[in-house]
Amino acid sequence: MKKITPLKAIKAKCLDCCGYQKKEVKFCSALNCPIWLFRFGRNPKSQNHLFDVSFFEEHINVEVSNMEKILKNHIKNKKEG
């Protein structure tokens, strides 16, 4: 059996979770997932990779905002229907 690194295993799990769609991994909204920051197969805190906290904060805020809109619409539609 071929050994893989923990980061490659995380990347593979994220691809599996997102239906093997790389774009879906990029826009993953499972912000509470313990491996969310590692979903690209990189350690975001490593010196070998740039870790731009503002990118993640912006991405999280956009995702939360979108999720709030979707949830409000779902509740509204459920009450009306």
N, C-alpha and C. Protein backbone atom coordinates (compact mmCIF):
# COMPACT_ATOMS: atom_id res chain seq x y z
N MET A 1 0.84 -1.18 0.00
CA MET A 1 0.00 0.00 0.00
C MET A 1 0.89 1.25 0.00
N LYS A 2 0.54 2.18 -0.85
CA LYS A 2 1.30 3.41 -0.96
C LYS A 2 0.98 4.35 0.21
N LYS A 3 2.01 4.91 0.84
CA LYS A 3 1.82 5.85 1.94
C LYS A 3 1.61 7.24 1.37
N ILE A 4 0.72 7.99 2.01
CA ILE A 4 0.53 9.38 1.63
C ILE A 4 0.68 10.25 2.87
N THR A 5 1.01 11.49 2.65
CA THR A 5 1.19 12.42 3.76
C THR A 5 -0.18 12.80 4.34
N PRO A 6 -0.19 13.26 5.58
CA PRO A 6 -1.46 13.70 6.17
C PRO A 6 -2.14 14.81 5.35
N LEU A 7 -1.36 15.73 4.81
CA LEU A 7 -1.95 16.81 4.02
C LEU A 7 -2.57 16.30 2.73
N LYS A 8 -1.95 15.31 2.10
CA LYS A 8 -2.54 14.71 0.89
C LYS A 8 -3.81 13.95 1.24
N ALA A 9 -3.83 13.33 2.41
CA ALA A 9 -5.02 12.62 2.86
C ALA A 9 -6.17 13.61 3.10
N ILE A 10 -5.85 14.75 3.68
CA ILE A 10 -6.86 15.79 3.91
C ILE A 10 -7.39 16.30 2.58
N LYS A 11 -6.51 16.57 1.65
CA LYS A 11 -6.93 17.04 0.32
C LYS A 11 -7.85 16.02 -0.33
N ALA A 12 -7.50 14.74 -0.24
CA ALA A 12 -8.32 13.68 -0.82
C ALA A 12 -9.68 13.60 -0.14
N LYS A 13 -9.72 13.76 1.19
CA LYS A 13 -10.99 13.75 1.93
C LYS A 13 -11.88 14.91 1.49
N CYS A 14 -11.28 16.08 1.32
CA CYS A 14 -12.04 17.25 0.90
C CYS A 14 -12.61 17.05 -0.51
N LEU A 15 -11.81 16.50 -1.40
CA LEU A 15 -12.30 16.21 -2.75
C LEU A 15 -13.46 15.22 -2.69
N ASP A 16 -13.32 14.20 -1.87
CA ASP A 16 -14.39 13.21 -1.70
C ASP A 16 -15.66 13.88 -1.18
N CYS A 17 -15.51 14.70 -0.17
CA CYS A 17 -16.64 15.38 0.46
C CYS A 17 -17.36 16.30 -0.54
N CYS A 18 -16.61 16.87 -1.47
CA CYS A 18 -17.16 17.83 -2.43
C CYS A 18 -17.44 17.21 -3.80
N GLY A 19 -17.58 15.90 -3.82
CA GLY A 19 -17.93 15.23 -5.08
C GLY A 19 -16.83 15.29 -6.12
N TYR A 20 -15.59 15.35 -5.69
CA TYR A 20 -14.42 15.40 -6.57
C TYR A 20 -14.42 16.60 -7.51
N GLN A 21 -15.02 17.69 -7.04
CA GLN A 21 -15.04 18.93 -7.81
C GLN A 21 -14.10 19.93 -7.13
N LYS A 22 -12.96 20.21 -7.78
CA LYS A 22 -11.96 21.10 -7.18
C LYS A 22 -12.54 22.47 -6.85
N LYS A 23 -13.42 22.96 -7.71
CA LYS A 23 -14.01 24.27 -7.49
C LYS A 23 -14.85 24.26 -6.21
N GLU A 24 -15.53 23.16 -5.94
CA GLU A 24 -16.34 23.05 -4.73
C GLU A 24 -15.46 23.05 -3.48
N VAL A 25 -14.28 22.45 -3.57
CA VAL A 25 -13.34 22.46 -2.43
C VAL A 25 -12.94 23.90 -2.15
N LYS A 26 -12.67 24.65 -3.18
CA LYS A 26 -12.26 26.05 -3.01
C LYS A 26 -13.34 26.86 -2.30
N PHE A 27 -14.60 26.62 -2.65
CA PHE A 27 -15.70 27.39 -2.08
C PHE A 27 -16.45 26.63 -0.99
N CYS A 28 -15.78 25.70 -0.37
CA CYS A 28 -16.38 24.89 0.70
C CYS A 28 -16.97 25.79 1.78
N SER A 29 -18.20 25.50 2.15
CA SER A 29 -18.86 26.32 3.17
C SER A 29 -18.91 25.63 4.54
N ALA A 30 -18.24 24.51 4.67
CA ALA A 30 -18.21 23.78 5.95
C ALA A 30 -17.16 24.41 6.86
N LEU A 31 -17.42 25.62 7.27
CA LEU A 31 -16.44 26.41 8.01
C LEU A 31 -16.11 25.82 9.38
N ASN A 32 -16.99 25.03 9.92
CA ASN A 32 -16.74 24.40 11.22
C ASN A 32 -15.94 23.11 11.09
N CYS A 33 -15.67 22.67 9.89
CA CYS A 33 -14.90 21.45 9.67
C CYS A 33 -13.47 21.67 10.19
N PRO A 34 -12.96 20.73 10.98
CA PRO A 34 -11.62 20.92 11.56
C PRO A 34 -10.50 20.93 10.53
N ILE A 35 -10.75 20.47 9.31
CA ILE A 35 -9.69 20.47 8.30
C ILE A 35 -9.92 21.52 7.21
N TRP A 36 -10.87 22.44 7.43
CA TRP A 36 -11.22 23.43 6.42
C TRP A 36 -10.01 24.22 5.93
N LEU A 37 -9.18 24.71 6.85
CA LEU A 37 -8.01 25.52 6.45
C LEU A 37 -6.98 24.70 5.68
N PHE A 38 -7.02 23.39 5.80
CA PHE A 38 -6.04 22.52 5.17
C PHE A 38 -6.58 21.90 3.87
N ARG A 39 -7.76 22.31 3.42
CA ARG A 39 -8.45 21.63 2.32
C ARG A 39 -7.71 21.64 0.99
N PHE A 40 -6.75 22.53 0.83
CA PHE A 40 -5.98 22.57 -0.42
C PHE A 40 -4.76 21.66 -0.37
N GLY A 41 -4.61 20.91 0.70
CA GLY A 41 -3.47 20.02 0.83
C GLY A 41 -2.21 20.73 1.26
N ARG A 42 -2.38 21.89 1.89
CA ARG A 42 -1.26 22.68 2.38
C ARG A 42 -1.52 23.07 3.83
N ASN A 43 -0.44 23.24 4.55
CA ASN A 43 -0.55 23.75 5.91
C ASN A 43 -0.55 25.27 5.81
N PRO A 44 -1.66 25.91 6.13
CA PRO A 44 -1.73 27.36 5.96
C PRO A 44 -0.79 28.13 6.88
N LYS A 45 -0.30 27.49 7.92
CA LYS A 45 0.60 28.17 8.85
C LYS A 45 2.06 27.92 8.56
N SER A 46 2.34 27.14 7.53
CA SER A 46 3.71 26.80 7.16
C SER A 46 4.43 28.01 6.57
N GLN A 47 5.72 28.09 6.82
CA GLN A 47 6.53 29.17 6.25
C GLN A 47 6.66 29.00 4.73
N ASN A 48 6.41 27.80 4.24
CA ASN A 48 6.55 27.55 2.81
C ASN A 48 5.39 28.09 2.00
N HIS A 49 4.31 28.46 2.66
CA HIS A 49 3.13 28.95 1.97
C HIS A 49 2.71 30.28 2.57
N LEU A 50 2.24 31.15 1.70
CA LEU A 50 1.74 32.43 2.18
C LEU A 50 0.40 32.20 2.85
N PHE A 51 0.22 32.76 4.01
CA PHE A 51 -1.03 32.62 4.74
C PHE A 51 -1.62 34.00 4.92
N ASP A 52 -2.53 34.34 4.06
CA ASP A 52 -3.15 35.66 4.10
C ASP A 52 -4.46 35.55 4.87
N VAL A 53 -4.42 35.93 6.12
CA VAL A 53 -5.59 35.81 6.99
C VAL A 53 -6.75 36.62 6.42
N SER A 54 -6.46 37.75 5.81
CA SER A 54 -7.54 38.59 5.28
C SER A 54 -8.33 37.86 4.20
N PHE A 55 -7.66 37.01 3.40
CA PHE A 55 -8.36 36.23 2.39
C PHE A 55 -9.38 35.32 3.05
N PHE A 56 -8.95 34.62 4.10
CA PHE A 56 -9.84 33.69 4.78
C PHE A 56 -10.97 34.43 5.48
N GLU A 57 -10.66 35.55 6.12
CA GLU A 57 -11.70 36.32 6.79
C GLU A 57 -12.73 36.81 5.78
N GLU A 58 -12.26 37.29 4.63
CA GLU A 58 -13.17 37.77 3.60
C GLU A 58 -14.02 36.62 3.06
N HIS A 59 -13.37 35.50 2.81
CA HIS A 59 -14.07 34.33 2.28
C HIS A 59 -15.12 33.85 3.28
N ILE A 60 -14.75 33.78 4.54
CA ILE A 60 -15.69 33.33 5.57
C ILE A 60 -16.87 34.29 5.66
N ASN A 61 -16.61 35.59 5.65
CA ASN A 61 -17.69 36.57 5.75
C ASN A 61 -18.64 36.46 4.57
N VAL A 62 -18.12 36.26 3.38
CA VAL A 62 -18.96 36.10 2.19
C VAL A 62 -19.79 34.83 2.32
N GLU A 63 -19.16 33.74 2.71
CA GLU A 63 -19.87 32.47 2.84
C GLU A 63 -20.97 32.56 3.90
N VAL A 64 -20.67 33.16 5.04
CA VAL A 64 -21.66 33.29 6.10
C VAL A 64 -22.82 34.16 5.61
N SER A 65 -22.49 35.25 4.93
CA SER A 65 -23.52 36.13 4.41
C SER A 65 -24.42 35.38 3.43
N ASN A 66 -23.84 34.61 2.53
CA ASN A 66 -24.62 33.84 1.57
C ASN A 66 -25.46 32.78 2.27
N MET A 67 -24.90 32.12 3.26
CA MET A 67 -25.65 31.10 3.99
C MET A 67 -26.82 31.72 4.74
N GLU A 68 -26.63 32.90 5.30
CA GLU A 68 -27.72 33.58 6.01
C GLU A 68 -28.86 33.90 5.04
N LYS A 69 -28.53 34.38 3.84
CA LYS A 69 -29.55 34.69 2.85
C LYS A 69 -30.30 33.42 2.44
N ILE A 70 -29.58 32.36 2.20
CA ILE A 70 -30.21 31.10 1.80
C ILE A 70 -31.13 30.59 2.90
N LEU A 71 -30.66 30.64 4.13
CA LEU A 71 -31.47 30.17 5.26
C LEU A 71 -32.72 31.03 5.43
N LYS A 72 -32.61 32.34 5.34
CA LYS A 72 -33.77 33.22 5.47
C LYS A 72 -34.79 32.93 4.37
N ASN A 73 -34.30 32.74 3.13
CA ASN A 73 -35.21 32.41 2.03
C ASN A 73 -35.88 31.07 2.25
N HIS A 74 -35.16 30.11 2.74
CA HIS A 74 -35.71 28.78 3.00
C HIS A 74 -36.81 28.86 4.07
N ILE A 75 -36.56 29.59 5.14
CA ILE A 75 -37.55 29.74 6.21
C ILE A 75 -38.78 30.47 5.68
N LYS A 76 -38.56 31.52 4.90
CA LYS A 76 -39.66 32.29 4.34
C LYS A 76 -40.51 31.40 3.43
N ASN A 77 -39.87 30.63 2.56
CA ASN A 77 -40.59 29.75 1.64
C ASN A 77 -41.34 28.65 2.39
N LYS A 78 -40.76 28.17 3.46
CA LYS A 78 -41.41 27.12 4.25
C LYS A 78 -42.68 27.65 4.93
N LYS A 79 -42.62 28.89 5.43
CA LYS A 79 -43.79 29.51 6.07
C LYS A 79 -44.90 29.76 5.06
N GLU A 80 -44.50 30.18 3.84
CA GLU A 80 -45.49 30.49 2.80
C GLU A 80 -46.09 29.23 2.19
N GLY A 81 -45.31 28.17 2.16
CA GLY A 81 -45.74 26.93 1.48
C GLY A 81 -46.36 26.00 2.40
